[in-house]
Protein backbone atom coordinates (compact mmCIF):
# COMPACT_ATOMS: atom_id res chain seq x y z
CA MET A 1 -86.22 -7.92 163.66
CA ASN A 2 -83.17 -9.90 164.62
CA HIS A 3 -83.64 -12.99 162.45
CA ASP A 4 -81.08 -14.99 164.44
CA THR A 5 -82.96 -14.81 167.73
CA GLU A 6 -84.52 -17.83 169.39
CA LEU A 7 -86.78 -17.32 172.35
CA GLU A 8 -86.90 -20.16 174.84
CA VAL A 9 -90.37 -20.50 176.33
CA ARG A 10 -89.83 -20.92 180.05
CA THR A 11 -91.22 -18.07 182.15
CA PRO A 12 -94.76 -17.76 183.53
CA ALA A 13 -95.18 -14.64 181.35
CA HIS A 14 -94.32 -16.68 178.25
CA PHE A 15 -96.86 -19.38 179.12
CA LYS A 16 -99.51 -16.77 179.90
CA ALA A 17 -98.86 -15.06 176.58
CA LEU A 18 -99.12 -18.34 174.68
CA ALA A 19 -102.28 -19.46 176.46
CA HIS A 20 -104.62 -17.71 174.01
CA PRO A 21 -105.07 -18.68 170.35
CA PHE A 22 -105.41 -15.07 169.19
CA ARG A 23 -101.95 -14.26 170.52
CA HIS A 24 -100.54 -17.11 168.43
CA ARG A 25 -102.33 -15.66 165.41
CA LEU A 26 -100.74 -12.27 166.15
CA LEU A 27 -97.32 -13.89 166.32
CA PHE A 28 -98.00 -15.69 163.03
CA ALA A 29 -99.06 -12.37 161.44
CA LEU A 30 -95.99 -10.55 162.75
CA GLY A 31 -93.83 -13.22 161.14
CA SER A 32 -94.47 -11.34 157.88
CA GLY A 33 -92.86 -8.21 159.30
CA PRO A 34 -93.72 -5.18 161.42
CA ALA A 35 -97.32 -3.99 161.47
CA THR A 36 -99.52 -1.43 163.17
CA ILE A 37 -102.51 -2.25 165.33
CA SER A 38 -104.79 -1.12 162.48
CA GLN A 39 -103.01 -3.34 159.95
CA LEU A 40 -103.15 -6.34 162.29
CA ALA A 41 -106.84 -5.74 163.08
CA ALA A 42 -107.72 -5.57 159.39
CA GLY A 43 -105.62 -8.61 158.50
CA LEU A 44 -107.02 -10.75 161.31
CA GLY A 45 -110.59 -9.48 161.16
CA ALA A 46 -110.52 -8.28 164.77
CA ALA A 47 -111.26 -5.07 166.66
CA LYS A 48 -108.33 -2.73 167.27
CA GLY A 49 -108.98 -2.89 171.03
CA THR A 50 -108.68 -6.68 170.96
CA VAL A 51 -105.42 -6.48 169.04
CA ALA A 52 -104.05 -3.81 171.40
CA HIS A 53 -104.91 -5.89 174.48
CA HIS A 54 -103.23 -9.04 173.19
CA LEU A 55 -100.20 -7.11 171.90
CA LYS A 56 -99.76 -5.69 175.39
CA VAL A 57 -99.64 -9.20 176.89
CA LEU A 58 -97.12 -10.31 174.26
CA THR A 59 -95.03 -7.17 174.81
CA GLU A 60 -94.99 -7.66 178.57
CA ALA A 61 -93.75 -11.21 177.99
CA GLY A 62 -90.90 -9.91 175.81
CA MET A 63 -92.27 -11.61 172.69
CA VAL A 64 -93.27 -8.46 170.78
CA ARG A 65 -91.66 -5.03 170.70
CA VAL A 66 -92.09 -1.74 168.91
CA GLY A 67 -89.76 -1.97 165.91
CA HIS A 68 -90.14 1.60 164.74
CA THR A 69 -92.52 4.55 164.81
CA ARG A 70 -93.81 6.96 162.21
CA GLN A 71 -95.32 10.41 162.64
CA VAL A 72 -98.80 10.73 161.19
CA ARG A 73 -101.41 13.49 161.34
CA GLY A 74 -103.05 12.19 164.50
CA GLY A 75 -99.84 11.37 166.38
CA THR A 76 -97.30 8.56 166.35
CA GLU A 77 -97.93 5.25 164.65
CA GLN A 78 -96.15 2.24 166.18
CA TYR A 79 -95.01 -0.74 164.15
CA HIS A 80 -94.92 -3.89 166.25
CA GLU A 81 -92.61 -6.80 165.49
CA ARG A 82 -91.77 -10.19 166.94
CA ALA A 83 -88.77 -10.14 169.24
CA PHE A 84 -87.60 -13.54 168.01
CA ARG A 85 -87.27 -15.62 164.87
CA ARG A 86 -88.57 -18.83 166.40
CA LEU A 87 -89.80 -20.18 169.69
CA VAL A 88 -88.01 -23.11 171.27
CA GLY A 89 -88.28 -25.04 174.49
CA GLU A 90 -90.21 -27.68 176.24
CA THR A 91 -93.86 -26.68 176.11
CA THR A 92 -95.58 -28.79 178.73
CA ASP A 93 -98.24 -26.25 179.69
CA ALA A 94 -101.55 -27.74 178.52
CA GLY A 95 -103.21 -24.33 178.16
CA ALA A 96 -100.45 -22.97 175.94
CA THR A 97 -100.38 -26.14 173.84
CA GLY A 98 -104.16 -26.10 173.43
CA ALA A 99 -104.05 -22.44 172.41
CA LEU A 100 -101.34 -23.18 169.85
CA PHE A 101 -103.38 -25.99 168.31
CA GLY A 102 -106.47 -23.76 168.28
CA ALA A 103 -104.55 -21.07 166.40
CA VAL A 104 -103.12 -23.62 163.97
CA ALA A 105 -106.62 -25.02 163.37
CA GLU A 106 -107.80 -21.51 162.43
CA GLU A 107 -104.84 -21.16 160.08
CA LEU A 108 -105.51 -24.58 158.50
CA ALA A 109 -109.16 -23.68 157.91
CA GLY A 110 -108.02 -21.14 155.31
CA ASP A 111 -105.88 -23.61 153.34
CA PRO A 112 -107.73 -25.76 150.79
CA ASP A 113 -104.97 -28.39 150.69
CA PRO A 114 -103.02 -28.54 153.97
CA LEU A 115 -100.53 -31.29 154.75
CA LEU A 116 -101.16 -32.76 158.17
CA HIS A 117 -99.86 -36.08 159.48
CA LEU A 118 -100.23 -37.72 162.86
CA ARG A 119 -98.39 -40.96 163.24
CA HIS A 120 -97.40 -42.95 166.29
CA LEU A 121 -94.12 -44.85 166.02
CA ARG A 122 -92.23 -47.11 168.36
CA LEU A 123 -88.71 -45.69 168.54
CA THR A 124 -85.61 -46.33 170.57
CA PRO A 125 -84.28 -43.30 172.44
CA ALA A 126 -81.49 -43.03 169.84
CA GLN A 127 -83.99 -43.11 166.96
CA ALA A 128 -86.17 -40.49 168.65
CA GLU A 129 -83.17 -38.20 169.17
CA ARG A 130 -82.05 -38.64 165.56
CA LEU A 131 -85.55 -37.83 164.28
CA ARG A 132 -85.75 -34.82 166.59
CA SER A 133 -82.40 -33.49 165.37
CA THR A 134 -83.33 -34.05 161.73
CA LEU A 135 -86.68 -32.26 162.06
CA ASP A 136 -85.13 -29.38 163.99
CA ALA A 137 -82.40 -28.94 161.37
CA LEU A 138 -84.87 -29.16 158.49
CA VAL A 139 -87.09 -26.42 159.89
CA GLY A 140 -84.20 -24.30 161.16
CA GLU A 141 -82.39 -24.34 157.83
CA ALA A 142 -85.42 -23.56 155.65
CA GLU A 143 -84.73 -20.37 153.71
CA GLU A 144 -87.28 -17.61 153.36
CA ALA A 145 -88.25 -16.49 149.86
CA GLY A 146 -88.87 -12.84 149.07
CA PRO A 147 -91.75 -10.82 150.54
CA GLU A 148 -93.79 -11.22 147.34
CA GLN A 149 -94.08 -14.98 147.91
CA ALA A 150 -96.87 -16.77 149.78
CA ARG A 151 -96.30 -17.52 153.47
CA TYR A 152 -96.54 -21.07 154.77
CA GLY A 153 -96.86 -22.26 158.35
CA VAL A 154 -94.78 -25.15 159.61
CA LEU A 155 -95.64 -26.95 162.83
CA VAL A 156 -93.34 -29.77 163.87
CA SER A 157 -93.75 -31.81 167.00
CA LEU A 158 -92.15 -34.95 168.32
CA TYR A 159 -93.59 -36.04 171.61
CA ARG A 160 -93.57 -39.11 173.75
CA ARG A 161 -97.03 -40.59 173.85
CA SER A 162 -98.42 -41.14 177.32
CA GLY A 163 -100.76 -43.89 178.37
CA PRO A 164 -100.68 -47.65 178.17
CA GLU A 165 -98.03 -48.91 175.77
CA HIS A 166 -99.98 -52.04 174.86
CA LEU A 167 -102.96 -50.28 173.23
CA GLY A 168 -103.10 -50.38 169.45
CA PRO A 169 -101.04 -52.28 166.92
CA PRO A 170 -97.37 -51.34 166.38
CA GLY A 171 -96.74 -48.45 164.02
CA ARG A 172 -99.97 -46.62 164.79
């Protein structure tokens, strides 16, 4: 996998691919490295047909590719990999966002001590941009440990809250 690649989410195929929580889980799983359909099915507790279907959607969207193949007794085994290191872009599609949060909720369910904060702040545009840049740099510069180490998920979002500005006390 090209670890320097960012994929900007912007095409209808990207939004379609991200509109299902299982596809997010596949992308999370492929973050560990290339895997076969059988390995992904076993790791995610899913049927191979389900994995194959969702991999096809991700492949058609350019988000997954075959990294390499290996000859086995019954034919050729394909190792699928993510085609990017990280996703970027403005995700305003409600279906894709809901699917992402559904996939993250499934991931969080397996962690006995997750860190999760939701806080509403009143910020100037300059403060919001500074916070955005800081968060982006922090996540982008995080270094991966070796393959023997535990994997952690990081979800960072800064969004402008919609709705009436006068509801709720400041800082909430």
